[in-house]
């Protein structure tokens, strides 16, 4: 299903949130942290992973720039240097629609492995050593 382009895309830097509005009147305000940890990039999505790679330490991330990509998407350039995710209208619609469920699962996953939304380099280094990629 193709979703109509948002009629509103507004970054609220101080609040670290992206406000979206669609022609049917729906609106959403999505935290930059959420958009970053659910980036549609191959870096986080891999090839067929059931969930995005778990990424902590992004509580303070913000969007530095929003770049249009044709008439179907935007590239969100984050202030941590991440810029490889193309957020199509379908992806933004899905992220907005599934926000509550996605965010709850993200927080659960962080808790399960002892990671934090805040930068925690020591724990991250320990986790990298224990990471086992999913079997195909």
Protein backbone atom coordinates (compact mmCIF):
# COMPACT_ATOMS: atom_id res chain seq x y z
CA UNK A 1 0.00 0.00 0.00
CA UNK A 2 1.38 3.39 -0.94
CA UNK A 3 0.87 6.09 1.61
CA UNK A 4 0.35 9.71 0.59
CA UNK A 5 3.22 12.10 1.21
CA UNK A 6 3.04 13.94 4.52
CA UNK A 7 1.71 17.46 4.24
CA UNK A 8 3.78 18.49 7.25
CA UNK A 9 7.34 17.58 8.22
CA UNK A 10 8.63 19.89 10.94
CA UNK A 11 11.65 19.39 13.17
CA UNK A 12 11.40 20.62 16.75
CA UNK A 13 15.09 20.77 17.67
CA UNK A 14 14.70 21.69 21.35
CA UNK A 15 12.15 18.91 21.89
CA UNK A 16 14.20 16.52 19.70
CA UNK A 17 11.09 15.46 17.79
CA UNK A 18 9.84 15.32 14.23
CA UNK A 19 6.24 16.41 13.71
CA UNK A 20 4.38 14.78 10.83
CA UNK A 21 0.96 15.40 9.34
CA UNK A 22 -0.89 13.58 6.55
CA UNK A 23 -3.65 14.68 4.15
CA UNK A 24 -6.24 12.61 6.07
CA UNK A 25 -5.64 14.72 9.20
CA UNK A 26 -3.48 12.24 11.11
CA UNK A 27 -0.59 13.76 13.03
CA UNK A 28 2.36 12.30 14.89
CA UNK A 29 5.30 13.63 16.84
CA UNK A 30 8.15 11.13 16.82
CA UNK A 31 11.25 11.48 19.02
CA UNK A 32 14.55 11.73 17.14
CA UNK A 33 15.88 8.91 19.31
CA UNK A 34 13.06 6.65 18.09
CA UNK A 35 13.67 7.55 14.46
CA UNK A 36 17.40 6.90 14.89
CA UNK A 37 17.12 3.49 16.56
CA UNK A 38 14.45 2.40 14.05
CA UNK A 39 16.34 3.70 11.02
CA UNK A 40 15.46 1.77 7.86
CA UNK A 41 19.17 1.65 6.93
CA UNK A 42 20.89 -1.63 6.08
CA UNK A 43 23.30 -0.82 8.91
CA UNK A 44 20.52 -1.47 11.44
CA UNK A 45 18.15 -3.67 9.46
CA UNK A 46 20.75 -6.04 8.02
CA UNK A 47 19.46 -8.59 5.58
CA UNK A 48 16.19 -9.98 6.80
CA UNK A 49 16.63 -9.41 10.54
CA UNK A 50 13.30 -9.76 12.36
CA UNK A 51 14.12 -6.67 14.46
CA UNK A 52 16.59 -3.84 13.92
CA UNK A 53 20.02 -4.21 15.48
CA UNK A 54 19.81 -3.01 19.07
CA UNK A 55 21.33 0.43 19.48
CA UNK A 56 21.62 2.19 22.82
CA UNK A 57 23.04 5.51 23.90
CA UNK A 58 20.90 7.66 21.59
CA UNK A 59 18.74 9.54 24.11
CA UNK A 60 20.30 12.91 23.18
CA UNK A 61 20.50 12.39 19.40
CA UNK A 62 18.96 15.04 17.19
CA UNK A 63 18.30 15.50 13.51
CA UNK A 64 20.81 17.85 11.90
CA UNK A 65 19.17 18.00 8.45
CA UNK A 66 16.19 16.71 6.53
CA UNK A 67 16.90 16.11 2.84
CA UNK A 68 14.16 15.34 0.29
CA UNK A 69 14.73 12.22 -1.82
CA UNK A 70 12.64 12.45 -4.96
CA UNK A 71 8.93 12.55 -4.24
CA UNK A 72 8.86 9.41 -2.10
CA UNK A 73 11.14 9.88 0.93
CA UNK A 74 13.41 12.00 3.10
CA UNK A 75 16.91 11.31 4.35
CA UNK A 76 17.26 12.16 8.01
CA UNK A 77 20.82 13.23 8.82
CA UNK A 78 21.44 12.76 12.54
CA UNK A 79 23.94 14.73 14.58
CA UNK A 80 25.78 11.49 15.45
CA UNK A 81 26.74 11.15 11.76
CA UNK A 82 24.14 8.55 10.76
CA UNK A 83 22.69 9.43 7.35
CA UNK A 84 22.10 6.22 5.43
CA UNK A 85 18.42 5.62 6.17
CA UNK A 86 15.83 6.66 3.59
CA UNK A 87 12.52 7.26 5.32
CA UNK A 88 9.89 6.65 2.64
CA UNK A 89 6.34 7.85 3.24
CA UNK A 90 5.39 4.21 3.93
CA UNK A 91 8.17 3.86 6.52
CA UNK A 92 7.22 7.11 8.29
CA UNK A 93 3.57 6.07 8.33
CA UNK A 94 4.46 2.65 9.79
CA UNK A 95 6.79 4.16 12.40
CA UNK A 96 4.06 6.59 13.46
CA UNK A 97 1.33 3.94 13.52
CA UNK A 98 3.43 1.40 15.47
CA UNK A 99 5.22 3.85 17.77
CA UNK A 100 3.82 2.61 21.11
CA UNK A 101 4.45 -1.07 20.35
CA UNK A 102 7.90 -0.46 18.81
CA UNK A 103 9.05 1.77 21.66
CA UNK A 104 7.90 -0.66 24.37
CA UNK A 105 9.72 -3.54 22.63
CA UNK A 106 12.86 -1.42 22.22
CA UNK A 107 12.93 -0.58 25.94
CA UNK A 108 12.35 -4.25 26.79
CA UNK A 109 15.23 -5.35 24.54
CA UNK A 110 17.57 -2.77 26.11
CA UNK A 111 16.63 -4.01 29.57
CA UNK A 112 17.09 -7.68 28.62
CA UNK A 113 20.77 -7.10 27.73
CA UNK A 114 21.55 -4.42 30.31
CA UNK A 115 21.97 -1.61 27.79
CA UNK A 116 20.90 1.98 28.33
CA UNK A 117 19.39 4.78 26.28
CA UNK A 118 22.33 6.79 27.56
CA UNK A 119 25.86 6.30 26.32
CA UNK A 120 27.39 3.31 28.09
CA UNK A 121 30.59 2.42 26.28
CA UNK A 122 31.80 -0.17 28.80
CA UNK A 123 28.59 -2.23 28.60
CA UNK A 124 28.48 -1.86 24.81
CA UNK A 125 32.04 -3.18 24.46
CA UNK A 126 31.17 -6.18 26.64
CA UNK A 127 28.03 -6.89 24.61
CA UNK A 128 29.88 -6.75 21.30
CA UNK A 129 32.10 -9.57 22.56
CA UNK A 130 29.02 -11.68 23.42
CA UNK A 131 26.97 -10.92 20.29
CA UNK A 132 26.00 -13.91 18.17
CA UNK A 133 24.36 -13.13 14.83
CA UNK A 134 20.99 -14.84 14.22
CA UNK A 135 21.14 -18.14 12.32
CA UNK A 136 19.78 -18.10 8.81
